[in-house]
């Protein structure tokens, strides 16, 4: 027979729960005890619901919560979680047998290495180098993209599509919608299949290995102290890391952060300073031939991330976030798990994002046939010239709004044509990375943070990206770097 667990917190918490229950007069889906516990943990959605339902009684409830908080030197959410963890450990100790001989095995040794800053930071750099730079950047964005783009689409698919469309369809406007330079197939589908698929696929594969190994919670512990300086905590490492795959997905995942303040800071940093895997892959491929340019870009982006995060955390009201996380055992990833996670994420990505590629192609086509793009490009040219870049880059920035990788791919074309110097290349790459989020991410920002917040962020990012590009170009000129 199963035995029911009667779990009680300490006297102070239980007294607070009882007092809050006495003041909850409304009807709720959850039990009143559950509501009281969530109120003590300051769950924002529950607080809003109780404020709306109780009205007059909420002041008394708020006073009970404040009195209870004063009796602990740690956040109530931490105290409650610790109490639960202790009960869980007591239960597992009674039903799980541990092999004492394996206590200090290689798994525990590696676990300690990954969380110690002295050894953890070099390990993180190795993960970034081999996981992002070599695997995603060189293999995904280099080898695989070159094969699909050059040998498949440019050599066979696009000429074949252009030939059929131009011979069968007599109307030029419809030809341009489907094929030619900005067609749904020749631009939208080509970018999705030849550029985004290999880059996003390799990133999600690498991310699944990191996730399944148990390294991600250890990375959260490692960066927690730094993230606290920018108003976040170690838990934010999950949306931030996912941002290197897809910023749209990462913006949605940021809802897992505890406070509204954290969610706003994370959303801003994702929109401003975290390149998605498609954009990152193309930029790594662009700059890998110029090691100095790549180093400048990395240092500049890290500085912007930390600087804007720090300023935002100082400007936005609210307490610093608390952080606690269960750290699972480190283990050898299972291939079935890796493939399942990669497939699931890729499926989500293509169901949600590929329609936006097609939509972006239609918008680009519409902008071209109406002349709207020419107007917008002419408006961007003074800002582009201000940061030391030629007029051609204005088109790249406009495309970057529709899809970040569209912009990065446009930059790649300019570099291949020899239009940009090494200095202009790194300035363009940095400014484009900071430039406004793509249509899909902006739509997700509106959904998650509200239209007003999303628009204000977009305006700030637009202005800041060109100011930052101007400063970077000026500094490179002063110090004679990449002349």
Foldseek 3Di string as FASTA:
>chain_A
DDDDDDDDADPLLVVLLVQQLVQQPDDDPDDSSVLSLCVLLVQPVSLVVSCVGRVVSSVVNVVSSVVSCVVDPDRSVVSVVVSVVVVVVVVCVVPPDDDPVCPPPPLVVVLVQCQDLVRVVVVVVVLCCVQQQVQLQCVQQNVQLCCLLPVPLVVPVQVVLLVVLVVPPPDPLVSLCQHDDLHLVNQLVSCVPRQLCSNLLSNLLSVLQCVQQLSLVSQLSNCQVLLLLLQAGSVLSVLLSCLQNPLQVSLVVLVPGRDPLSSLLSLLLSFFQHHHRSLSNLLSNVCVVPVLLVVLLVVLSVCVSSVNSNVSNVPDDDDRDDDDDDRDTGDRGDPVSSVVSSVVVVVVCCVQPSVLSSVLSNVVSVCVVVVVVVVQLVVCQVLCVLLPHHSQLSSLLVSCQSPVSSSSVSLVVCVVVVNDASLSSSLSSNLSSRAGHHPSNLVSCCVNPNDVSSVVSNVVSHVVSSVSSNVSSVVCVVVVPSD
